[in-house]
Amino acid sequence: MLKKNYTKTKKSCRVTFKYANEEQAESAVLAGEFNDWSLTATPMKRLKNGTFSVTVTLKSGYSYRFRYVLDGNVWVNDPEADSYAANEYGEENSVVSV
């Protein structure tokens, strides 16, 4: 799930990424174009109900590809992403547009 909160100037947007974690993963990381697909830069917090969440600030007017990485090696998409785009691995990436 994606929750967007734009600044008053609309130049940037705080996006909260939430993942339901039906797989019952122990850890999750948000990887995407905004952090060079890093597996360490944007760890997600596991909430009491087992879901994962993290908020990042993104520059408005762009679309960013991203995926969640569960337990360090399972790449999954956000089922409620704004759209999806093919990647070089024959799969799709989630896309958030701000």
C-alpha atoms as a PDB file:
ATOM      1  CA  MET A   1       0.000   0.000   0.000  1.00  0.00           C
ATOM      2  CA  LEU A   2       1.208   3.486  -0.807  1.00  0.00           C
ATOM      3  CA  LYS A   3       0.225   6.581   1.176  1.00  0.00           C
ATOM      4  CA  LYS A   4       1.293   9.958  -0.244  1.00  0.00           C
ATOM      5  CA  ASN A   5       1.600  13.255   1.620  1.00  0.00           C
ATOM      6  CA  TYR A   6       2.767  16.205  -0.499  1.00  0.00           C
ATOM      7  CA  THR A   7       4.570  19.199   0.966  1.00  0.00           C
ATOM      8  CA  LYS A   8       2.836  22.590   0.777  1.00  0.00           C
ATOM      9  CA  THR A   9       4.994  23.542  -2.214  1.00  0.00           C
ATOM     10  CA  LYS A  10       4.264  20.179  -3.909  1.00  0.00           C
ATOM     11  CA  LYS A  11       7.988  19.865  -4.734  1.00  0.00           C
ATOM     12  CA  SER A  12       8.350  16.678  -2.726  1.00  0.00           C
ATOM     13  CA  CYS A  13       6.156  13.931  -1.336  1.00  0.00           C
ATOM     14  CA  ARG A  14       6.481  11.753   1.743  1.00  0.00           C
ATOM     15  CA  VAL A  15       5.485   8.272   0.613  1.00  0.00           C
ATOM     16  CA  THR A  16       4.721   5.571   3.156  1.00  0.00           C
ATOM     17  CA  PHE A  17       5.275   2.098   1.747  1.00  0.00           C
ATOM     18  CA  LYS A  18       3.440  -0.703   3.559  1.00  0.00           C
ATOM     19  CA  TYR A  19       3.676  -4.411   2.820  1.00  0.00           C
ATOM     20  CA  ALA A  20       1.155  -6.898   4.278  1.00  0.00           C
ATOM     21  CA  ASN A  21       3.767  -9.682   4.671  1.00  0.00           C
ATOM     22  CA  GLU A  22       1.566 -12.676   3.958  1.00  0.00           C
ATOM     23  CA  GLU A  23       4.818 -14.656   3.606  1.00  0.00           C
ATOM     24  CA  GLN A  24       5.589 -14.027   7.308  1.00  0.00           C
ATOM     25  CA  ALA A  25       9.082 -12.775   6.450  1.00  0.00           C
ATOM     26  CA  GLU A  26      11.400 -11.794   9.296  1.00  0.00           C
ATOM     27  CA  SER A  27      12.806  -8.719   7.545  1.00  0.00           C
ATOM     28  CA  ALA A  28      12.049  -6.433   4.623  1.00  0.00           C
ATOM     29  CA  VAL A  29      13.899  -3.726   2.718  1.00  0.00           C
ATOM     30  CA  LEU A  30      12.561  -1.175   0.237  1.00  0.00           C
ATOM     31  CA  ALA A  31      14.768  -1.183  -2.865  1.00  0.00           C
ATOM     32  CA  GLY A  32      14.248   1.109  -5.837  1.00  0.00           C
ATOM     33  CA  GLU A  33      15.548   3.701  -8.232  1.00  0.00           C
ATOM     34  CA  PHE A  34      15.522   6.305  -5.447  1.00  0.00           C
ATOM     35  CA  ASN A  35      18.190   4.392  -3.450  1.00  0.00           C
ATOM     36  CA  ASP A  36      20.119   2.699  -6.294  1.00  0.00           C
ATOM     37  CA  TRP A  37      18.368  -0.616  -5.523  1.00  0.00           C
ATOM     38  CA  SER A  38      20.270  -0.865  -2.245  1.00  0.00           C
ATOM     39  CA  LEU A  39      19.559  -3.864  -0.002  1.00  0.00           C
ATOM     40  CA  THR A  40      20.636  -1.916   3.084  1.00  0.00           C
ATOM     41  CA  ALA A  41      19.726   1.777   2.601  1.00  0.00           C
ATOM     42  CA  THR A  42      16.001   1.613   3.406  1.00  0.00           C
ATOM     43  CA  PRO A  43      15.097  -1.124   5.906  1.00  0.00           C
ATOM     44  CA  MET A  44      11.422  -1.441   6.729  1.00  0.00           C
ATOM     45  CA  LYS A  45      10.053  -1.569  10.271  1.00  0.00           C
ATOM     46  CA  ARG A  46       8.066  -4.639  11.263  1.00  0.00           C
ATOM     47  CA  LEU A  47       4.865  -3.553  12.990  1.00  0.00           C
ATOM     48  CA  LYS A  48       3.055  -5.453  15.748  1.00  0.00           C
ATOM     49  CA  ASN A  49       0.572  -6.912  13.267  1.00  0.00           C
ATOM     50  CA  GLY A  50       3.435  -8.372  11.178  1.00  0.00           C
ATOM     51  CA  THR A  51       3.276  -5.856   8.330  1.00  0.00           C
ATOM     52  CA  PHE A  52       6.279  -3.802   7.236  1.00  0.00           C
ATOM     53  CA  SER A  53       6.379  -0.020   6.805  1.00  0.00           C
ATOM     54  CA  VAL A  54       8.805   2.746   5.862  1.00  0.00           C
ATOM     55  CA  THR A  55       8.411   6.377   4.783  1.00  0.00           C
ATOM     56  CA  VAL A  56      10.692   8.102   2.280  1.00  0.00           C
ATOM     57  CA  THR A  57      10.660  11.572   0.733  1.00  0.00           C
ATOM     58  CA  LEU A  58      10.648  11.631  -3.069  1.00  0.00           C
ATOM     59  CA  LYS A  59      10.868  14.496  -5.556  1.00  0.00           C
ATOM     60  CA  SER A  60       7.483  15.234  -7.119  1.00  0.00           C
ATOM     61  CA  GLY A  61       6.798  14.939 -10.837  1.00  0.00           C
ATOM     62  CA  TYR A  62       8.496  11.571 -11.314  1.00  0.00           C
ATOM     63  CA  SER A  63       7.739   7.871 -11.324  1.00  0.00           C
ATOM     64  CA  TYR A  64      10.029   5.499  -9.439  1.00  0.00           C
ATOM     65  CA  ARG A  65      10.427   1.741  -9.836  1.00  0.00           C
ATOM     66  CA  PHE A  66      10.706  -0.252  -6.625  1.00  0.00           C
ATOM     67  CA  ARG A  67      10.303  -3.677  -5.007  1.00  0.00           C
ATOM     68  CA  TYR A  68      10.296  -5.106  -1.516  1.00  0.00           C
ATOM     69  CA  VAL A  69      13.077  -7.550  -0.612  1.00  0.00           C
ATOM     70  CA  LEU A  70      12.031 -10.070   2.013  1.00  0.00           C
ATOM     71  CA  ASP A  71      14.574 -11.896   4.184  1.00  0.00           C
ATOM     72  CA  GLY A  72      17.401 -10.580   2.010  1.00  0.00           C
ATOM     73  CA  ASN A  73      16.618 -12.487  -1.169  1.00  0.00           C
ATOM     74  CA  VAL A  74      12.904 -12.683  -2.065  1.00  0.00           C
ATOM     75  CA  TRP A  75      11.889  -9.813  -4.357  1.00  0.00           C
ATOM     76  CA  VAL A  76       8.164  -8.995  -4.372  1.00  0.00           C
ATOM     77  CA  ASN A  77       5.953  -6.273  -5.795  1.00  0.00           C
ATOM     78  CA  ASP A  78       3.444  -4.062  -4.059  1.00  0.00           C
ATOM     79  CA  PRO A  79      -0.020  -5.387  -5.015  1.00  0.00           C
ATOM     80  CA  GLU A  80      -1.384  -1.829  -4.789  1.00  0.00           C
ATOM     81  CA  ALA A  81       1.372  -0.034  -6.751  1.00  0.00           C
ATOM     82  CA  ASP A  82       0.389   2.805  -9.089  1.00  0.00           C
ATOM     83  CA  SER A  83       1.555   0.712 -12.050  1.00  0.00           C
ATOM     84  CA  TYR A  84       4.099  -1.912 -13.088  1.00  0.00           C
ATOM     85  CA  ALA A  85       7.015  -1.893 -15.523  1.00  0.00           C
ATOM     86  CA  ALA A  86       8.988  -4.758 -17.035  1.00  0.00           C
ATOM     87  CA  ASN A  87      12.563  -5.209 -15.840  1.00  0.00           C
ATOM     88  CA  GLU A  88      15.658  -6.817 -17.330  1.00  0.00           C
ATOM     89  CA  TYR A  89      15.040 -10.069 -15.409  1.00  0.00           C
ATOM     90  CA  GLY A  90      11.814 -10.918 -17.229  1.00  0.00           C
ATOM     91  CA  GLU A  91       9.715  -9.818 -14.280  1.00  0.00           C
ATOM     92  CA  GLU A  92       7.971  -6.591 -13.336  1.00  0.00           C
ATOM     93  CA  ASN A  93       8.808  -3.819 -10.890  1.00  0.00           C
ATOM     94  CA  SER A  94       6.241  -1.862  -8.928  1.00  0.00           C
ATOM     95  CA  VAL A  95       5.989   1.840  -9.842  1.00  0.00           C
ATOM     96  CA  VAL A  96       5.034   4.774  -7.612  1.00  0.00           C
ATOM     97  CA  SER A  97       4.173   8.096  -9.282  1.00  0.00           C
ATOM     98  CA  VAL A  98       4.452  11.296  -7.251  1.00  0.00           C
END
